[in-house]
């Protein structure tokens, strides 16, 4: 019995590739993107604004920036964010169904953002 216990522990601690992606996507959404949207009080932000907020978050929480690099792209793939190039800068805008949450300055968790953006309630 003592032999199976270490194996079970290692299985519990290990996360799959998709679990890591979801973790970082959730981390970027709940701690960087959504607070930034509420802070700037508009449904879009620039790449420079995102990078500043991300760097600030990484510094405070001692997380390498490289760990969060895929989080923003992942939110675009999930259709929570849209990426456009306007006036010589990258603009990221939230899905239109998330705008009412922004106006209320509500805390919008990742799971609800995904459901709203996909149209599934």
C-alpha atoms as a PDB file:
ATOM      1  CA  UNK A   1       0.000   0.000   0.000  1.00  0.00           C
ATOM      2  CA  UNK A   2       2.858   2.397   0.684  1.00  0.00           C
ATOM      3  CA  UNK A   3       4.031   1.801  -2.875  1.00  0.00           C
ATOM      4  CA  UNK A   4       0.809   3.030  -4.546  1.00  0.00           C
ATOM      5  CA  UNK A   5       0.535   6.156  -2.409  1.00  0.00           C
ATOM      6  CA  UNK A   6       3.499   8.021  -4.006  1.00  0.00           C
ATOM      7  CA  UNK A   7       2.162   7.143  -7.461  1.00  0.00           C
ATOM      8  CA  UNK A   8      -1.256   8.517  -6.547  1.00  0.00           C
ATOM      9  CA  UNK A   9       0.299  11.747  -5.257  1.00  0.00           C
ATOM     10  CA  UNK A  10       2.201  12.280  -8.475  1.00  0.00           C
ATOM     11  CA  UNK A  11      -0.964  11.765 -10.511  1.00  0.00           C
ATOM     12  CA  UNK A  12      -2.865  14.278  -8.400  1.00  0.00           C
ATOM     13  CA  UNK A  13      -0.154  16.942  -8.711  1.00  0.00           C
ATOM     14  CA  UNK A  14       0.324  16.566 -12.468  1.00  0.00           C
ATOM     15  CA  UNK A  15      -1.840  18.592 -14.759  1.00  0.00           C
ATOM     16  CA  UNK A  16      -2.423  17.847 -18.384  1.00  0.00           C
ATOM     17  CA  UNK A  17      -1.559  20.212 -21.218  1.00  0.00           C
ATOM     18  CA  UNK A  18      -5.139  21.518 -21.431  1.00  0.00           C
ATOM     19  CA  UNK A  19      -5.359  22.105 -17.687  1.00  0.00           C
ATOM     20  CA  UNK A  20      -2.255  24.301 -17.807  1.00  0.00           C
ATOM     21  CA  UNK A  21      -3.643  26.259 -20.764  1.00  0.00           C
ATOM     22  CA  UNK A  22      -6.927  26.827 -18.952  1.00  0.00           C
ATOM     23  CA  UNK A  23      -5.094  27.824 -15.782  1.00  0.00           C
ATOM     24  CA  UNK A  24      -3.019  30.492 -17.526  1.00  0.00           C
ATOM     25  CA  UNK A  25      -5.979  31.696 -19.614  1.00  0.00           C
ATOM     26  CA  UNK A  26      -8.034  32.070 -16.419  1.00  0.00           C
ATOM     27  CA  UNK A  27      -5.132  33.788 -14.655  1.00  0.00           C
ATOM     28  CA  UNK A  28      -4.685  36.289 -17.498  1.00  0.00           C
ATOM     29  CA  UNK A  29      -8.431  36.975 -17.721  1.00  0.00           C
ATOM     30  CA  UNK A  30      -9.195  37.372 -14.010  1.00  0.00           C
ATOM     31  CA  UNK A  31      -6.027  39.185 -12.945  1.00  0.00           C
ATOM     32  CA  UNK A  32      -4.922  41.192 -15.969  1.00  0.00           C
ATOM     33  CA  UNK A  33      -7.455  41.600 -18.784  1.00  0.00           C
ATOM     34  CA  UNK A  34     -10.704  42.090 -16.875  1.00  0.00           C
ATOM     35  CA  UNK A  35      -9.223  44.429 -14.229  1.00  0.00           C
ATOM     36  CA  UNK A  36      -7.651  46.399 -17.097  1.00  0.00           C
ATOM     37  CA  UNK A  37     -11.013  46.687 -18.896  1.00  0.00           C
ATOM     38  CA  UNK A  38     -12.668  47.943 -15.700  1.00  0.00           C
ATOM     39  CA  UNK A  39      -9.757  50.317 -15.033  1.00  0.00           C
ATOM     40  CA  UNK A  40      -9.757  51.947 -18.495  1.00  0.00           C
ATOM     41  CA  UNK A  41     -13.590  51.896 -18.506  1.00  0.00           C
ATOM     42  CA  UNK A  42     -13.921  50.989 -22.171  1.00  0.00           C
ATOM     43  CA  UNK A  43     -14.464  47.690 -24.012  1.00  0.00           C
ATOM     44  CA  UNK A  44     -10.972  47.654 -25.515  1.00  0.00           C
ATOM     45  CA  UNK A  45      -7.345  48.150 -24.558  1.00  0.00           C
ATOM     46  CA  UNK A  46      -4.065  48.571 -26.385  1.00  0.00           C
ATOM     47  CA  UNK A  47      -1.196  46.132 -26.448  1.00  0.00           C
ATOM     48  CA  UNK A  48       0.914  48.621 -24.478  1.00  0.00           C
ATOM     49  CA  UNK A  49      -1.738  48.888 -21.739  1.00  0.00           C
ATOM     50  CA  UNK A  50      -1.908  45.099 -21.524  1.00  0.00           C
ATOM     51  CA  UNK A  51       1.862  44.713 -21.352  1.00  0.00           C
ATOM     52  CA  UNK A  52       2.128  47.281 -18.575  1.00  0.00           C
ATOM     53  CA  UNK A  53      -0.618  45.570 -16.527  1.00  0.00           C
ATOM     54  CA  UNK A  54       0.866  42.109 -17.203  1.00  0.00           C
ATOM     55  CA  UNK A  55       4.371  43.176 -16.189  1.00  0.00           C
ATOM     56  CA  UNK A  56       3.034  44.771 -13.028  1.00  0.00           C
ATOM     57  CA  UNK A  57       1.105  41.572 -12.142  1.00  0.00           C
ATOM     58  CA  UNK A  58       4.104  39.337 -12.878  1.00  0.00           C
ATOM     59  CA  UNK A  59       6.421  41.482 -10.770  1.00  0.00           C
ATOM     60  CA  UNK A  60       4.065  41.552  -7.757  1.00  0.00           C
ATOM     61  CA  UNK A  61       3.352  37.800  -7.926  1.00  0.00           C
ATOM     62  CA  UNK A  62       6.867  36.702  -8.937  1.00  0.00           C
ATOM     63  CA  UNK A  63       5.631  34.955 -12.090  1.00  0.00           C
ATOM     64  CA  UNK A  64       7.779  34.920 -15.233  1.00  0.00           C
ATOM     65  CA  UNK A  65       6.159  36.819 -18.108  1.00  0.00           C
ATOM     66  CA  UNK A  66       6.823  33.820 -20.339  1.00  0.00           C
ATOM     67  CA  UNK A  67       4.359  31.745 -18.282  1.00  0.00           C
ATOM     68  CA  UNK A  68       1.512  34.062 -19.297  1.00  0.00           C
ATOM     69  CA  UNK A  69       2.541  34.541 -22.922  1.00  0.00           C
ATOM     70  CA  UNK A  70      -0.102  32.194 -24.331  1.00  0.00           C
ATOM     71  CA  UNK A  71      -2.938  33.443 -22.143  1.00  0.00           C
ATOM     72  CA  UNK A  72      -3.899  36.438 -24.266  1.00  0.00           C
ATOM     73  CA  UNK A  73      -3.758  34.471 -27.522  1.00  0.00           C
ATOM     74  CA  UNK A  74      -5.836  31.755 -25.916  1.00  0.00           C
ATOM     75  CA  UNK A  75      -8.553  34.296 -25.018  1.00  0.00           C
ATOM     76  CA  UNK A  76      -8.644  35.356 -28.677  1.00  0.00           C
ATOM     77  CA  UNK A  77      -9.013  31.745 -29.794  1.00  0.00           C
ATOM     78  CA  UNK A  78     -11.898  31.324 -27.313  1.00  0.00           C
ATOM     79  CA  UNK A  79     -13.583  34.401 -28.901  1.00  0.00           C
ATOM     80  CA  UNK A  80     -13.593  36.312 -25.626  1.00  0.00           C
ATOM     81  CA  UNK A  81     -11.257  38.895 -27.155  1.00  0.00           C
ATOM     82  CA  UNK A  82     -10.913  40.207 -30.682  1.00  0.00           C
ATOM     83  CA  UNK A  83      -7.619  41.561 -32.018  1.00  0.00           C
ATOM     84  CA  UNK A  84      -7.497  44.471 -34.512  1.00  0.00           C
ATOM     85  CA  UNK A  85      -4.796  46.726 -35.874  1.00  0.00           C
ATOM     86  CA  UNK A  86      -5.877  50.378 -35.753  1.00  0.00           C
ATOM     87  CA  UNK A  87      -3.853  53.569 -36.012  1.00  0.00           C
ATOM     88  CA  UNK A  88      -0.542  51.711 -35.969  1.00  0.00           C
ATOM     89  CA  UNK A  89      -1.248  49.828 -32.743  1.00  0.00           C
ATOM     90  CA  UNK A  90      -2.866  46.548 -31.730  1.00  0.00           C
ATOM     91  CA  UNK A  91      -6.277  46.878 -30.097  1.00  0.00           C
ATOM     92  CA  UNK A  92      -7.949  44.077 -28.127  1.00  0.00           C
ATOM     93  CA  UNK A  93     -11.686  44.335 -27.592  1.00  0.00           C
ATOM     94  CA  UNK A  94     -14.010  42.228 -25.479  1.00  0.00           C
ATOM     95  CA  UNK A  95     -16.986  40.307 -26.837  1.00  0.00           C
ATOM     96  CA  UNK A  96     -20.046  42.549 -27.080  1.00  0.00           C
ATOM     97  CA  UNK A  97     -21.981  40.393 -24.586  1.00  0.00           C
ATOM     98  CA  UNK A  98     -19.450  41.310 -21.894  1.00  0.00           C
ATOM     99  CA  UNK A  99     -19.968  45.081 -22.203  1.00  0.00           C
ATOM    100  CA  UNK A 100     -22.892  45.208 -19.702  1.00  0.00           C
ATOM    101  CA  UNK A 101     -20.612  43.628 -17.070  1.00  0.00           C
ATOM    102  CA  UNK A 102     -17.994  46.289 -17.811  1.00  0.00           C
ATOM    103  CA  UNK A 103     -20.543  49.086 -17.391  1.00  0.00           C
ATOM    104  CA  UNK A 104     -21.592  47.684 -14.016  1.00  0.00           C
ATOM    105  CA  UNK A 105     -17.930  47.212 -13.072  1.00  0.00           C
ATOM    106  CA  UNK A 106     -18.888  43.681 -12.035  1.00  0.00           C
ATOM    107  CA  UNK A 107     -16.314  41.051 -11.229  1.00  0.00           C
ATOM    108  CA  UNK A 108     -16.494  38.788 -14.272  1.00  0.00           C
ATOM    109  CA  UNK A 109     -15.007  35.358 -13.729  1.00  0.00           C
ATOM    110  CA  UNK A 110     -13.514  33.426 -16.604  1.00  0.00           C
ATOM    111  CA  UNK A 111     -16.220  30.735 -16.708  1.00  0.00           C
ATOM    112  CA  UNK A 112     -19.022  33.255 -17.076  1.00  0.00           C
ATOM    113  CA  UNK A 113     -17.062  35.182 -19.721  1.00  0.00           C
ATOM    114  CA  UNK A 114     -16.688  31.981 -21.753  1.00  0.00           C
ATOM    115  CA  UNK A 115     -20.410  31.165 -21.466  1.00  0.00           C
ATOM    116  CA  UNK A 116     -21.450  34.702 -22.431  1.00  0.00           C
ATOM    117  CA  UNK A 117     -19.059  34.885 -25.377  1.00  0.00           C
ATOM    118  CA  UNK A 118     -20.170  31.494 -26.692  1.00  0.00           C
ATOM    119  CA  UNK A 119     -23.859  32.297 -26.286  1.00  0.00           C
ATOM    120  CA  UNK A 120     -24.435  29.413 -23.868  1.00  0.00           C
ATOM    121  CA  UNK A 121     -26.174  30.461 -20.695  1.00  0.00           C
END
